Amino acid sequence: MKLVVGTRGSKLALAQTYKVVERLRERYEVEIKIVKTTGDVMKDKPLYEFKGIGAFVRTIDRALARGEIDIAVHSYKDVPSQRVEGTVIAAVLERDSPCDALISKNGETIEDLKERAVIGTSSLRRRAQLKRLREDLKFENLRGNLDTRLRKLKEGVYDAIVVAEAGLQRLGLDREVEYQRFDPHTVVPPANQGIIAVATRKGEEDLISFLNDEKTWLEAKVERAVIRELGVGCAVPVGVYAETGSKVRLICEILDDKYVRVEEWLSRSSAVEEAAEIGKSLRKEVYGR
């Protein structure tokens, strides 16, 4: 049986897709099809300024729904809660690092950067979190693939940039680039950072069920339950992180007009439901609705 796998065409998207395809080829003949998305076309616009949601996802999922591809591979953090009709996230791979990483021009940590250093990031969450660590820092928008971001740093456009450590790892750059890893309990990542999600059409989930990592699946669902109930997108600075042991540790940080941080231990058997209630409570506390 042959499966057509849809993905964005960036180096990072393809690296993620190859991880999925390597597993799929244990059972299927596989073809990769590159799909250009809104986020790929409008590279200079900060993500929080996009109208609607799912700038890197919708186009690929629509191709899936139309039958142009059989499988879609996404960074789960980019996937909106509202699915394209007829499609479903059917599996997640074992989570890579959820952490953010700071890469500076001269190898400095955030503590050692010069006063009023310029940080390249388009993430409102990262800006708000780093501002809490260093009030003097300045921020400029940064889009493009990792190679582009690293080139701009080298050219001196920024004093430092912030990226997801998982991206560095998937491209093998973690062995070439010196960087500072932020503890996810301190700089709380966005929901589902470091997780590769695989989508199918509804009713075809069994095609890829063998790919699913149960621990990561639970963490992903817990984090998404909070975000879904908060009802916010990337235009609001929010970090949500869950890690699974005998219980599920959940950390949520909202850095909007009002700063709120919650840390709870949840029962594994009811973690998703408990997380949803926490999301509702936070929405009421912060936004009064």
Foldseek 3Di string as FASTA:
>chain_A
DEFEEEWADDPLGVLQVVVVVVVLVVPHHYHYDHDDFQCNVPFPDQPLPDPDALRRHDRRQVCQQVVVGFKYKDLLLRDDPDGDPQKDFQAKAPFDDLWKKKAFQVQDALVPDDFQFEEEDSFPQVVLLSCVVPVRYHYDYDGDDPVVVVVCRNVPVGRMYMDGVLSCVSVVNVVVGRIDIDDCVRSFGAQRRRMMIMMGGPPCSVSCNVRHDVQSVLFNLLRVLLCVLLVDDSNWRKGWGWHDDCWIWIWIWGRHPDTDIDIDTHHSVCSNVVSNVVSNVVSCVPVVD
